[in-house]
């Protein structure tokens, strides 16, 4: 069993490891977002853009349909469209889109504080 003195000596190691993990995540994100990849561009979602809305819905459907069907037995377009509309209303300010050579390829969504 560790005594408190031994634990306090290891605190800096834990802190350094956390910093290293955070730095690794940031580096990975930079690569994935295209800061290091030619022709990859991050663009904000434009409210009401039908092409972007369709892409986001189709991607969410592709990713989640099998799980929804497994849990609820079926994929109801009507219900899913309502849930998607709610999602877009609540999250549209937090969505950015990833383009590769001007072709929309993915969405990036995260929570951030906006004032």
PDB file of N, CA and C in Angstrom:
ATOM      1  N   UNK A   1       0.839  -1.174   0.000  1.00  0.00           N
ATOM      2  CA  UNK A   1       0.000   0.000   0.000  1.00  0.00           C
ATOM      3  C   UNK A   1       0.883   1.236   0.000  1.00  0.00           C
ATOM      4  N   UNK A   2       0.490   2.232  -0.781  1.00  0.00           N
ATOM      5  CA  UNK A   2       1.253   3.460  -0.900  1.00  0.00           C
ATOM      6  C   UNK A   2       0.971   4.397   0.261  1.00  0.00           C
ATOM      7  N   UNK A   3       2.017   5.059   0.714  1.00  0.00           N
ATOM      8  CA  UNK A   3       1.779   6.106   1.693  1.00  0.00           C
ATOM      9  C   UNK A   3       1.551   7.409   0.925  1.00  0.00           C
ATOM     10  N   UNK A   4       1.032   8.410   1.599  1.00  0.00           N
ATOM     11  CA  UNK A   4       0.687   9.659   0.918  1.00  0.00           C
ATOM     12  C   UNK A   4       1.903  10.336   0.313  1.00  0.00           C
ATOM     13  N   UNK A   5       3.073  10.189   0.906  1.00  0.00           N
ATOM     14  CA  UNK A   5       4.289  10.793   0.355  1.00  0.00           C
ATOM     15  C   UNK A   5       4.643  10.156  -0.990  1.00  0.00           C
ATOM     16  N   UNK A   6       4.540   8.834  -1.086  1.00  0.00           N
ATOM     17  CA  UNK A   6       4.824   8.134  -2.333  1.00  0.00           C
ATOM     18  C   UNK A   6       3.803   8.509  -3.404  1.00  0.00           C
ATOM     19  N   UNK A   7       2.554   8.660  -3.013  1.00  0.00           N
ATOM     20  CA  UNK A   7       1.509   9.037  -3.968  1.00  0.00           C
ATOM     21  C   UNK A   7       1.757  10.432  -4.508  1.00  0.00           C
ATOM     22  N   UNK A   8       2.148  11.377  -3.657  1.00  0.00           N
ATOM     23  CA  UNK A   8       2.377  12.741  -4.118  1.00  0.00           C
ATOM     24  C   UNK A   8       3.570  12.790  -5.072  1.00  0.00           C
ATOM     25  N   UNK A   9       4.561  11.892  -4.888  1.00  0.00           N
ATOM     26  CA  UNK A   9       5.692  11.836  -5.802  1.00  0.00           C
ATOM     27  C   UNK A   9       5.256  11.368  -7.189  1.00  0.00           C
ATOM     28  N   UNK A  10       4.236  10.543  -7.259  1.00  0.00           N
ATOM     29  CA  UNK A  10       3.776  10.029  -8.547  1.00  0.00           C
ATOM     30  C   UNK A  10       2.750  10.932  -9.221  1.00  0.00           C
ATOM     31  N   UNK A  11       2.254  11.932  -8.512  1.00  0.00           N
ATOM     32  CA  UNK A  11       1.258  12.839  -9.096  1.00  0.00           C
ATOM     33  C   UNK A  11       1.771  13.517 -10.362  1.00  0.00           C
ATOM     34  N   UNK A  12       3.043  13.916 -10.380  1.00  0.00           N
ATOM     35  CA  UNK A  12       3.582  14.588 -11.564  1.00  0.00           C
ATOM     36  C   UNK A  12       3.617  13.646 -12.768  1.00  0.00           C
ATOM     37  N   UNK A  13       3.847  12.371 -12.516  1.00  0.00           N
ATOM     38  CA  UNK A  13       3.857  11.385 -13.598  1.00  0.00           C
ATOM     39  C   UNK A  13       2.461  11.260 -14.196  1.00  0.00           C
ATOM     40  N   UNK A  14       1.474  11.196 -13.342  1.00  0.00           N
ATOM     41  CA  UNK A  14       0.084  11.107 -13.807  1.00  0.00           C
ATOM     42  C   UNK A  14      -0.284  12.361 -14.596  1.00  0.00           C
ATOM     43  N   UNK A  15       0.099  13.510 -14.081  1.00  0.00           N
ATOM     44  CA  UNK A  15      -0.191  14.775 -14.750  1.00  0.00           C
ATOM     45  C   UNK A  15       0.486  14.840 -16.120  1.00  0.00           C
ATOM     46  N   UNK A  16       1.742  14.432 -16.195  1.00  0.00           N
ATOM     47  CA  UNK A  16       2.464  14.426 -17.467  1.00  0.00           C
ATOM     48  C   UNK A  16       1.811  13.471 -18.460  1.00  0.00           C
ATOM     49  N   UNK A  17       1.353  12.330 -17.981  1.00  0.00           N
ATOM     50  CA  UNK A  17       0.686  11.344 -18.855  1.00  0.00           C
ATOM     51  C   UNK A  17      -0.618  11.904 -19.409  1.00  0.00           C
ATOM     52  N   UNK A  18      -1.384  12.585 -18.555  1.00  0.00           N
ATOM     53  CA  UNK A  18      -2.630  13.205 -19.016  1.00  0.00           C
ATOM     54  C   UNK A  18      -2.341  14.248 -20.085  1.00  0.00           C
ATOM     55  N   UNK A  19      -1.297  15.069 -19.866  1.00  0.00           N
ATOM     56  CA  UNK A  19      -0.916  16.078 -20.855  1.00  0.00           C
ATOM     57  C   UNK A  19      -0.513  15.434 -22.176  1.00  0.00           C
ATOM     58  N   UNK A  20       0.225  14.333 -22.086  1.00  0.00           N
ATOM     59  CA  UNK A  20       0.669  13.625 -23.278  1.00  0.00           C
ATOM     60  C   UNK A  20      -0.527  13.053 -24.051  1.00  0.00           C
ATOM     61  N   UNK A  21      -1.480  12.476 -23.338  1.00  0.00           N
ATOM     62  CA  UNK A  21      -2.676  11.936 -23.991  1.00  0.00           C
ATOM     63  C   UNK A  21      -3.476  13.032 -24.672  1.00  0.00           C
ATOM     64  N   UNK A  22      -3.621  14.172 -24.010  1.00  0.00           N
ATOM     65  CA  UNK A  22      -4.331  15.300 -24.595  1.00  0.00           C
ATOM     66  C   UNK A  22      -3.613  15.788 -25.846  1.00  0.00           C
ATOM     67  N   UNK A  23      -2.300  15.894 -25.781  1.00  0.00           N
ATOM     68  CA  UNK A  23      -1.525  16.323 -26.949  1.00  0.00           C
ATOM     69  C   UNK A  23      -1.691  15.338 -28.105  1.00  0.00           C
ATOM     70  N   UNK A  24      -1.701  14.052 -27.798  1.00  0.00           N
ATOM     71  CA  UNK A  24      -1.908  13.036 -28.831  1.00  0.00           C
ATOM     72  C   UNK A  24      -3.280  13.179 -29.480  1.00  0.00           C
ATOM     73  N   UNK A  25      -4.307  13.443 -28.679  1.00  0.00           N
ATOM     74  CA  UNK A  25      -5.654  13.637 -29.217  1.00  0.00           C
ATOM     75  C   UNK A  25      -5.700  14.852 -30.127  1.00  0.00           C
ATOM     76  N   UNK A  26      -5.050  15.927 -29.714  1.00  0.00           N
ATOM     77  CA  UNK A  26      -5.034  17.140 -30.523  1.00  0.00           C
ATOM     78  C   UNK A  26      -4.318  16.886 -31.846  1.00  0.00           C
ATOM     79  N   UNK A  27      -3.188  16.198 -31.793  1.00  0.00           N
ATOM     80  CA  UNK A  27      -2.435  15.882 -33.011  1.00  0.00           C
ATOM     81  C   UNK A  27      -3.260  15.007 -33.940  1.00  0.00           C
ATOM     82  N   UNK A  28      -3.900  13.987 -33.378  1.00  0.00           N
ATOM     83  CA  UNK A  28      -4.752  13.104 -34.186  1.00  0.00           C
ATOM     84  C   UNK A  28      -5.875  13.897 -34.834  1.00  0.00           C
ATOM     85  N   UNK A  29      -6.491  14.785 -34.079  1.00  0.00           N
ATOM     86  CA  UNK A  29      -7.587  15.595 -34.608  1.00  0.00           C
ATOM     87  C   UNK A  29      -7.101  16.491 -35.742  1.00  0.00           C
ATOM     88  N   UNK A  30      -5.929  17.093 -35.598  1.00  0.00           N
ATOM     89  CA  UNK A  30      -5.387  17.932 -36.660  1.00  0.00           C
ATOM     90  C   UNK A  30      -5.225  17.133 -37.944  1.00  0.00           C
ATOM     91  N   UNK A  31      -4.714  15.928 -37.811  1.00  0.00           N
ATOM     92  CA  UNK A  31      -4.523  15.089 -38.989  1.00  0.00           C
ATOM     93  C   UNK A  31      -5.864  14.735 -39.606  1.00  0.00           C
ATOM     94  N   UNK A  32      -6.804  14.302 -38.758  1.00  0.00           N
ATOM     95  CA  UNK A  32      -8.113  13.911 -39.274  1.00  0.00           C
ATOM     96  C   UNK A  32      -8.855  15.075 -39.898  1.00  0.00           C
ATOM     97  N   UNK A  33      -8.670  16.265 -39.389  1.00  0.00           N
ATOM     98  CA  UNK A  33      -9.385  17.426 -39.914  1.00  0.00           C
ATOM     99  C   UNK A  33      -8.713  18.026 -41.140  1.00  0.00           C
ATOM    100  N   UNK A  34      -7.570  17.521 -41.503  1.00  0.00           N
ATOM    101  CA  UNK A  34      -6.987  17.960 -42.743  1.00  0.00           C
ATOM    102  C   UNK A  34      -5.931  19.029 -42.644  1.00  0.00           C
ATOM    103  N   UNK A  35      -5.551  19.380 -41.450  1.00  0.00           N
ATOM    104  CA  UNK A  35      -4.494  20.382 -41.348  1.00  0.00           C
ATOM    105  C   UNK A  35      -3.190  19.832 -41.887  1.00  0.00           C
ATOM    106  N   UNK A  36      -3.082  18.534 -41.966  1.00  0.00           N
ATOM    107  CA  UNK A  36      -1.887  17.887 -42.494  1.00  0.00           C
ATOM    108  C   UNK A  36      -2.192  17.073 -43.755  1.00  0.00           C
ATOM    109  N   UNK A  37      -3.447  17.075 -44.189  1.00  0.00           N
ATOM    110  CA  UNK A  37      -3.859  16.273 -45.340  1.00  0.00           C
ATOM    111  C   UNK A  37      -4.262  17.217 -46.471  1.00  0.00           C
ATOM    112  N   UNK A  38      -3.614  17.113 -47.629  1.00  0.00           N
ATOM    113  CA  UNK A  38      -3.968  17.997 -48.744  1.00  0.00           C
ATOM    114  C   UNK A  38      -5.419  17.816 -49.174  1.00  0.00           C
ATOM    115  N   UNK A  39      -6.042  18.907 -49.546  1.00  0.00           N
ATOM    116  CA  UNK A  39      -7.398  18.936 -50.111  1.00  0.00           C
ATOM    117  C   UNK A  39      -8.505  18.580 -49.127  1.00  0.00           C
ATOM    118  N   UNK A  40      -8.199  18.512 -47.828  1.00  0.00           N
ATOM    119  CA  UNK A  40      -9.214  18.265 -46.814  1.00  0.00           C
ATOM    120  C   UNK A  40      -9.529  19.601 -46.163  1.00  0.00           C
ATOM    121  N   UNK A  41     -10.810  19.914 -46.089  1.00  0.00           N
ATOM    122  CA  UNK A  41     -11.208  21.230 -45.613  1.00  0.00           C
ATOM    123  C   UNK A  41     -12.384  21.112 -44.656  1.00  0.00           C
ATOM    124  N   UNK A  42     -12.376  21.899 -43.614  1.00  0.00           N
ATOM    125  CA  UNK A  42     -13.440  21.928 -42.624  1.00  0.00           C
ATOM    126  C   UNK A  42     -14.267  23.181 -42.866  1.00  0.00           C
ATOM    127  N   UNK A  43     -15.592  22.993 -43.053  1.00  0.00           N
ATOM    128  CA  UNK A  43     -16.476  24.123 -43.318  1.00  0.00           C
ATOM    129  C   UNK A  43     -17.664  24.060 -42.355  1.00  0.00           C
ATOM    130  N   UNK A  44     -18.150  25.216 -41.914  1.00  0.00           N
ATOM    131  CA  UNK A  44     -19.322  25.209 -41.018  1.00  0.00           C
ATOM    132  C   UNK A  44     -20.586  24.812 -41.768  1.00  0.00           C
ATOM    133  N   UNK A  45     -21.490  24.188 -41.037  1.00  0.00           N
ATOM    134  CA  UNK A  45     -22.810  23.864 -41.576  1.00  0.00           C
ATOM    135  C   UNK A  45     -23.549  25.159 -41.879  1.00  0.00           C
ATOM    136  N   UNK A  46     -24.155  25.229 -43.050  1.00  0.00           N
ATOM    137  CA  UNK A  46     -24.946  26.401 -43.427  1.00  0.00           C
ATOM    138  C   UNK A  46     -26.412  26.060 -43.213  1.00  0.00           C
ATOM    139  N   UNK A  47     -27.025  26.743 -42.278  1.00  0.00           N
ATOM    140  CA  UNK A  47     -28.418  26.462 -41.919  1.00  0.00           C
ATOM    141  C   UNK A  47     -29.317  26.479 -43.158  1.00  0.00           C
ATOM    142  N   UNK A  48     -30.075  25.397 -43.298  1.00  0.00           N
ATOM    143  CA  UNK A  48     -31.025  25.302 -44.400  1.00  0.00           C
ATOM    144  C   UNK A  48     -30.460  24.745 -45.692  1.00  0.00           C
ATOM    145  N   UNK A  49     -29.175  24.472 -45.759  1.00  0.00           N
ATOM    146  CA  UNK A  49     -28.569  23.930 -46.966  1.00  0.00           C
ATOM    147  C   UNK A  49     -29.063  22.503 -47.176  1.00  0.00           C
ATOM    148  N   UNK A  50     -29.902  22.317 -48.197  1.00  0.00           N
ATOM    149  CA  UNK A  50     -30.561  21.029 -48.428  1.00  0.00           C
ATOM    150  C   UNK A  50     -29.558  19.892 -48.708  1.00  0.00           C
ATOM    151  N   UNK A  51     -28.500  20.175 -49.443  1.00  0.00           N
ATOM    152  CA  UNK A  51     -27.494  19.156 -49.737  1.00  0.00           C
ATOM    153  C   UNK A  51     -26.819  18.685 -48.448  1.00  0.00           C
ATOM    154  N   UNK A  52     -26.470  19.628 -47.589  1.00  0.00           N
ATOM    155  CA  UNK A  52     -25.822  19.273 -46.337  1.00  0.00           C
ATOM    156  C   UNK A  52     -26.776  18.530 -45.407  1.00  0.00           C
ATOM    157  N   UNK A  53     -28.023  18.983 -45.331  1.00  0.00           N
ATOM    158  CA  UNK A  53     -29.022  18.316 -44.490  1.00  0.00           C
ATOM    159  C   UNK A  53     -29.220  16.870 -44.943  1.00  0.00           C
ATOM    160  N   UNK A  54     -29.369  16.677 -46.244  1.00  0.00           N
ATOM    161  CA  UNK A  54     -29.562  15.326 -46.779  1.00  0.00           C
ATOM    162  C   UNK A  54     -28.345  14.451 -46.465  1.00  0.00           C
ATOM    163  N   UNK A  55     -27.151  14.996 -46.647  1.00  0.00           N
ATOM    164  CA  UNK A  55     -25.935  14.241 -46.364  1.00  0.00           C
ATOM    165  C   UNK A  55     -25.884  13.823 -44.900  1.00  0.00           C
ATOM    166  N   UNK A  56     -26.154  14.769 -44.003  1.00  0.00           N
ATOM    167  CA  UNK A  56     -26.099  14.480 -42.564  1.00  0.00           C
ATOM    168  C   UNK A  56     -27.130  13.419 -42.193  1.00  0.00           C
ATOM    169  N   UNK A  57     -28.363  13.555 -42.706  1.00  0.00           N
ATOM    170  CA  UNK A  57     -29.402  12.564 -42.400  1.00  0.00           C
ATOM    171  C   UNK A  57     -29.006  11.187 -42.941  1.00  0.00           C
ATOM    172  N   UNK A  58     -28.567  11.145 -44.204  1.00  0.00           N
ATOM    173  CA  UNK A  58     -28.196   9.868 -44.816  1.00  0.00           C
ATOM    174  C   UNK A  58     -27.047   9.200 -44.058  1.00  0.00           C
ATOM    175  N   UNK A  59     -26.086   9.998 -43.601  1.00  0.00           N
ATOM    176  CA  UNK A  59     -24.960   9.449 -42.842  1.00  0.00           C
ATOM    177  C   UNK A  59     -25.434   8.910 -41.494  1.00  0.00           C
ATOM    178  N   UNK A  60     -26.265   9.669 -40.799  1.00  0.00           N
ATOM    179  CA  UNK A  60     -26.794   9.197 -39.516  1.00  0.00           C
ATOM    180  C   UNK A  60     -27.607   7.916 -39.723  1.00  0.00           C
ATOM    181  N   UNK A  61     -28.386   7.869 -40.793  1.00  0.00           N
ATOM    182  CA  UNK A  61     -29.168   6.667 -41.081  1.00  0.00           C
ATOM    183  C   UNK A  61     -28.245   5.474 -41.336  1.00  0.00           C
ATOM    184  N   UNK A  62     -27.215   5.689 -42.128  1.00  0.00           N
ATOM    185  CA  UNK A  62     -26.274   4.616 -42.437  1.00  0.00           C
ATOM    186  C   UNK A  62     -25.605   4.077 -41.167  1.00  0.00           C
ATOM    187  N   UNK A  63     -25.265   4.973 -40.267  1.00  0.00           N
ATOM    188  CA  UNK A  63     -24.561   4.585 -39.054  1.00  0.00           C
ATOM    189  C   UNK A  63     -25.497   3.954 -38.027  1.00  0.00           C
ATOM    190  N   UNK A  64     -26.684   4.528 -37.841  1.00  0.00           N
ATOM    191  CA  UNK A  64     -27.546   4.128 -36.719  1.00  0.00           C
ATOM    192  C   UNK A  64     -28.677   3.166 -37.060  1.00  0.00           C
ATOM    193  N   UNK A  65     -29.025   2.996 -38.324  1.00  0.00           N
ATOM    194  CA  UNK A  65     -30.204   2.197 -38.669  1.00  0.00           C
ATOM    195  C   UNK A  65     -30.149   0.783 -38.108  1.00  0.00           C
ATOM    196  N   UNK A  66     -29.020   0.120 -38.234  1.00  0.00           N
ATOM    197  CA  UNK A  66     -28.956  -1.270 -37.754  1.00  0.00           C
ATOM    198  C   UNK A  66     -29.150  -1.353 -36.239  1.00  0.00           C
ATOM    199  N   UNK A  67     -28.689  -0.330 -35.505  1.00  0.00           N
ATOM    200  CA  UNK A  67     -28.856  -0.335 -34.053  1.00  0.00           C
ATOM    201  C   UNK A  67     -30.303  -0.032 -33.664  1.00  0.00           C
ATOM    202  N   UNK A  68     -30.917   0.900 -34.376  1.00  0.00           N
ATOM    203  CA  UNK A  68     -32.321   1.224 -34.113  1.00  0.00           C
ATOM    204  C   UNK A  68     -33.185   0.000 -34.391  1.00  0.00           C
ATOM    205  N   UNK A  69     -32.932  -0.662 -35.513  1.00  0.00           N
ATOM    206  CA  UNK A  69     -33.705  -1.861 -35.856  1.00  0.00           C
ATOM    207  C   UNK A  69     -33.482  -2.979 -34.841  1.00  0.00           C
ATOM    208  N   UNK A  70     -32.264  -3.130 -34.363  1.00  0.00           N
ATOM    209  CA  UNK A  70     -31.967  -4.165 -33.381  1.00  0.00           C
ATOM    210  C   UNK A  70     -32.716  -3.901 -32.070  1.00  0.00           C
ATOM    211  N   UNK A  71     -32.784  -2.642 -31.661  1.00  0.00           N
ATOM    212  CA  UNK A  71     -33.417  -2.299 -30.392  1.00  0.00           C
ATOM    213  C   UNK A  71     -34.931  -2.186 -30.524  1.00  0.00           C
ATOM    214  N   UNK A  72     -35.399  -1.490 -31.582  1.00  0.00           N
ATOM    215  CA  UNK A  72     -36.829  -1.189 -31.713  1.00  0.00           C
ATOM    216  C   UNK A  72     -37.546  -2.034 -32.754  1.00  0.00           C
ATOM    217  N   UNK A  73     -36.806  -2.841 -33.510  1.00  0.00           N
ATOM    218  CA  UNK A  73     -37.437  -3.744 -34.463  1.00  0.00           C
ATOM    219  C   UNK A  73     -37.630  -3.177 -35.850  1.00  0.00           C
ATOM    220  N   UNK A  74     -37.640  -1.865 -35.991  1.00  0.00           N
ATOM    221  CA  UNK A  74     -37.810  -1.271 -37.315  1.00  0.00           C
ATOM    222  C   UNK A  74     -37.270   0.155 -37.321  1.00  0.00           C
ATOM    223  N   UNK A  75     -37.020   0.629 -38.507  1.00  0.00           N
ATOM    224  CA  UNK A  75     -36.584   2.006 -38.730  1.00  0.00           C
ATOM    225  C   UNK A  75     -37.788   2.751 -39.307  1.00  0.00           C
ATOM    226  N   UNK A  76     -38.390   3.614 -38.532  1.00  0.00           N
ATOM    227  CA  UNK A  76     -39.527   4.402 -38.995  1.00  0.00           C
ATOM    228  C   UNK A  76     -39.017   5.746 -39.510  1.00  0.00           C
ATOM    229  N   UNK A  77     -39.133   5.958 -40.820  1.00  0.00           N
ATOM    230  CA  UNK A  77     -38.668   7.222 -41.411  1.00  0.00           C
ATOM    231  C   UNK A  77     -39.349   8.418 -40.742  1.00  0.00           C
ATOM    232  N   UNK A  78     -40.630   8.299 -40.465  1.00  0.00           N
ATOM    233  CA  UNK A  78     -41.372   9.406 -39.857  1.00  0.00           C
ATOM    234  C   UNK A  78     -40.796   9.774 -38.485  1.00  0.00           C
ATOM    235  N   UNK A  79     -40.607   8.777 -37.652  1.00  0.00           N
ATOM    236  CA  UNK A  79     -40.055   9.017 -36.313  1.00  0.00           C
ATOM    237  C   UNK A  79     -38.623   9.529 -36.414  1.00  0.00           C
ATOM    238  N   UNK A  80     -37.825   8.886 -37.275  1.00  0.00           N
ATOM    239  CA  UNK A  80     -36.423   9.275 -37.403  1.00  0.00           C
ATOM    240  C   UNK A  80     -36.271  10.694 -37.956  1.00  0.00           C
ATOM    241  N   UNK A  81     -37.145  11.083 -38.877  1.00  0.00           N
ATOM    242  CA  UNK A  81     -37.096  12.458 -39.408  1.00  0.00           C
ATOM    243  C   UNK A  81     -37.407  13.460 -38.298  1.00  0.00           C
ATOM    244  N   UNK A  82     -38.362  13.157 -37.442  1.00  0.00           N
ATOM    245  CA  UNK A  82     -38.695  14.047 -36.324  1.00  0.00           C
ATOM    246  C   UNK A  82     -37.511  14.162 -35.363  1.00  0.00           C
ATOM    247  N   UNK A  83     -36.901  13.028 -35.044  1.00  0.00           N
ATOM    248  CA  UNK A  83     -35.733  13.037 -34.171  1.00  0.00           C
ATOM    249  C   UNK A  83     -34.572  13.795 -34.818  1.00  0.00           C
ATOM    250  N   UNK A  84     -34.420  13.628 -36.122  1.00  0.00           N
ATOM    251  CA  UNK A  84     -33.350  14.315 -36.843  1.00  0.00           C
ATOM    252  C   UNK A  84     -33.591  15.827 -36.853  1.00  0.00           C
ATOM    253  N   UNK A  85     -34.827  16.239 -37.085  1.00  0.00           N
ATOM    254  CA  UNK A  85     -35.145  17.669 -37.060  1.00  0.00           C
ATOM    255  C   UNK A  85     -34.829  18.272 -35.695  1.00  0.00           C
ATOM    256  N   UNK A  86     -35.150  17.529 -34.642  1.00  0.00           N
ATOM    257  CA  UNK A  86     -34.835  17.989 -33.284  1.00  0.00           C
ATOM    258  C   UNK A  86     -33.324  18.073 -33.095  1.00  0.00           C
ATOM    259  N   UNK A  87     -32.621  17.052 -33.552  1.00  0.00           N
ATOM    260  CA  UNK A  87     -31.166  17.040 -33.474  1.00  0.00           C
ATOM    261  C   UNK A  87     -30.567  18.251 -34.186  1.00  0.00           C
ATOM    262  N   UNK A  88     -31.039  18.523 -35.393  1.00  0.00           N
ATOM    263  CA  UNK A  88     -30.489  19.649 -36.162  1.00  0.00           C
ATOM    264  C   UNK A  88     -30.788  20.980 -35.480  1.00  0.00           C
ATOM    265  N   UNK A  89     -31.979  21.101 -34.930  1.00  0.00           N
ATOM    266  CA  UNK A  89     -32.344  22.343 -34.251  1.00  0.00           C
ATOM    267  C   UNK A  89     -31.434  22.582 -33.042  1.00  0.00           C
ATOM    268  N   UNK A  90     -31.152  21.534 -32.294  1.00  0.00           N
ATOM    269  CA  UNK A  90     -30.347  21.652 -31.075  1.00  0.00           C
ATOM    270  C   UNK A  90     -28.842  21.716 -31.342  1.00  0.00           C
ATOM    271  N   UNK A  91     -28.400  21.196 -32.476  1.00  0.00           N
ATOM    272  CA  UNK A  91     -26.958  21.044 -32.692  1.00  0.00           C
ATOM    273  C   UNK A  91     -26.396  21.754 -33.916  1.00  0.00           C
ATOM    274  N   UNK A  92     -27.212  22.440 -34.676  1.00  0.00           N
ATOM    275  CA  UNK A  92     -26.719  23.015 -35.937  1.00  0.00           C
ATOM    276  C   UNK A  92     -25.550  23.981 -35.743  1.00  0.00           C
ATOM    277  N   UNK A  93     -25.477  24.642 -34.602  1.00  0.00           N
ATOM    278  CA  UNK A  93     -24.358  25.552 -34.347  1.00  0.00           C
ATOM    279  C   UNK A  93     -23.077  24.808 -34.015  1.00  0.00           C
ATOM    280  N   UNK A  94     -23.173  23.515 -33.765  1.00  0.00           N
ATOM    281  CA  UNK A  94     -22.011  22.711 -33.376  1.00  0.00           C
ATOM    282  C   UNK A  94     -21.564  21.750 -34.474  1.00  0.00           C
ATOM    283  N   UNK A  95     -22.056  21.953 -35.684  1.00  0.00           N
ATOM    284  CA  UNK A  95     -21.744  21.025 -36.767  1.00  0.00           C
ATOM    285  C   UNK A  95     -20.827  21.693 -37.776  1.00  0.00           C
ATOM    286  N   UNK A  96     -19.767  20.982 -38.096  1.00  0.00           N
ATOM    287  CA  UNK A  96     -18.925  21.388 -39.203  1.00  0.00           C
ATOM    288  C   UNK A  96     -18.800  20.185 -40.128  1.00  0.00           C
ATOM    289  N   UNK A  97     -18.555  20.473 -41.380  1.00  0.00           N
ATOM    290  CA  UNK A  97     -18.518  19.423 -42.389  1.00  0.00           C
ATOM    291  C   UNK A  97     -17.117  19.287 -42.949  1.00  0.00           C
ATOM    292  N   UNK A  98     -16.751  18.072 -43.243  1.00  0.00           N
ATOM    293  CA  UNK A  98     -15.427  17.793 -43.775  1.00  0.00           C
ATOM    294  C   UNK A  98     -15.564  17.520 -45.270  1.00  0.00           C
ATOM    295  N   UNK A  99     -14.825  18.302 -46.043  1.00  0.00           N
ATOM    296  CA  UNK A  99     -14.826  18.178 -47.499  1.00  0.00           C
ATOM    297  C   UNK A  99     -13.467  17.689 -47.955  1.00  0.00           C
ATOM    298  N   UNK A 100     -13.462  16.790 -48.914  1.00  0.00           N
ATOM    299  CA  UNK A 100     -12.240  16.327 -49.545  1.00  0.00           C
ATOM    300  C   UNK A 100     -12.351  16.656 -51.024  1.00  0.00           C
ATOM    301  N   UNK A 101     -11.440  17.486 -51.485  1.00  0.00           N
ATOM    302  CA  UNK A 101     -11.472  17.956 -52.886  1.00  0.00           C
ATOM    303  C   UNK A 101     -12.852  18.486 -53.229  1.00  0.00           C
ATOM    304  N   UNK A 102     -13.396  19.322 -52.364  1.00  0.00           N
ATOM    305  CA  UNK A 102     -14.708  19.973 -52.529  1.00  0.00           C
ATOM    306  C   UNK A 102     -15.887  19.007 -52.519  1.00  0.00           C
ATOM    307  N   UNK A 103     -15.666  17.755 -52.107  1.00  0.00           N
ATOM    308  CA  UNK A 103     -16.767  16.794 -51.975  1.00  0.00           C
ATOM    309  C   UNK A 103     -17.022  16.551 -50.491  1.00  0.00           C
ATOM    310  N   UNK A 104     -18.278  16.686 -50.089  1.00  0.00           N
ATOM    311  CA  UNK A 104     -18.671  16.472 -48.701  1.00  0.00           C
ATOM    312  C   UNK A 104     -18.489  15.000 -48.355  1.00  0.00           C
ATOM    313  N   UNK A 105     -17.668  14.727 -47.309  1.00  0.00           N
ATOM    314  CA  UNK A 105     -17.368  13.329 -46.979  1.00  0.00           C
ATOM    315  C   UNK A 105     -17.744  12.924 -45.558  1.00  0.00           C
ATOM    316  N   UNK A 106     -17.820  13.870 -44.615  1.00  0.00           N
ATOM    317  CA  UNK A 106     -18.132  13.555 -43.219  1.00  0.00           C
ATOM    318  C   UNK A 106     -18.652  14.776 -42.501  1.00  0.00           C
ATOM    319  N   UNK A 107     -19.243  14.505 -41.320  1.00  0.00           N
ATOM    320  CA  UNK A 107     -19.613  15.616 -40.450  1.00  0.00           C
ATOM    321  C   UNK A 107     -18.789  15.516 -39.180  1.00  0.00           C
ATOM    322  N   UNK A 108     -18.602  16.668 -38.576  1.00  0.00           N
ATOM    323  CA  UNK A 108     -17.914  16.745 -37.299  1.00  0.00           C
ATOM    324  C   UNK A 108     -18.820  17.535 -36.386  1.00  0.00           C
ATOM    325  N   UNK A 109     -19.130  16.964 -35.260  1.00  0.00           N
ATOM    326  CA  UNK A 109     -20.036  17.628 -34.320  1.00  0.00           C
ATOM    327  C   UNK A 109     -19.413  17.590 -32.938  1.00  0.00           C
ATOM    328  N   UNK A 110     -19.464  18.684 -32.246  1.00  0.00           N
ATOM    329  CA  UNK A 110     -19.019  18.712 -30.872  1.00  0.00           C
ATOM    330  C   UNK A 110     -19.702  19.848 -30.146  1.00  0.00           C
ATOM    331  N   UNK A 111     -19.698  19.762 -28.853  1.00  0.00           N
ATOM    332  CA  UNK A 111     -20.281  20.815 -28.016  1.00  0.00           C
ATOM    333  C   UNK A 111     -19.186  21.820 -27.709  1.00  0.00           C
ATOM    334  N   UNK A 112     -19.532  23.082 -27.835  1.00  0.00           N
ATOM    335  CA  UNK A 112     -18.602  24.121 -27.417  1.00  0.00           C
ATOM    336  C   UNK A 112     -19.411  25.283 -26.903  1.00  0.00           C
ATOM    337  N   UNK A 113     -18.809  26.035 -26.020  1.00  0.00           N
ATOM    338  CA  UNK A 113     -19.496  27.174 -25.425  1.00  0.00           C
ATOM    339  C   UNK A 113     -19.481  28.342 -26.391  1.00  0.00           C
ATOM    340  N   UNK A 114     -20.654  28.815 -26.714  1.00  0.00           N
ATOM    341  CA  UNK A 114     -20.780  29.982 -27.581  1.00  0.00           C
ATOM    342  C   UNK A 114     -21.480  31.070 -26.796  1.00  0.00           C
ATOM    343  N   UNK A 115     -20.937  32.247 -26.855  1.00  0.00           N
ATOM    344  CA  UNK A 115     -21.537  33.362 -26.122  1.00  0.00           C
ATOM    345  C   UNK A 115     -22.020  34.427 -27.059  1.00  0.00           C
TER     346      UNK A 115
END
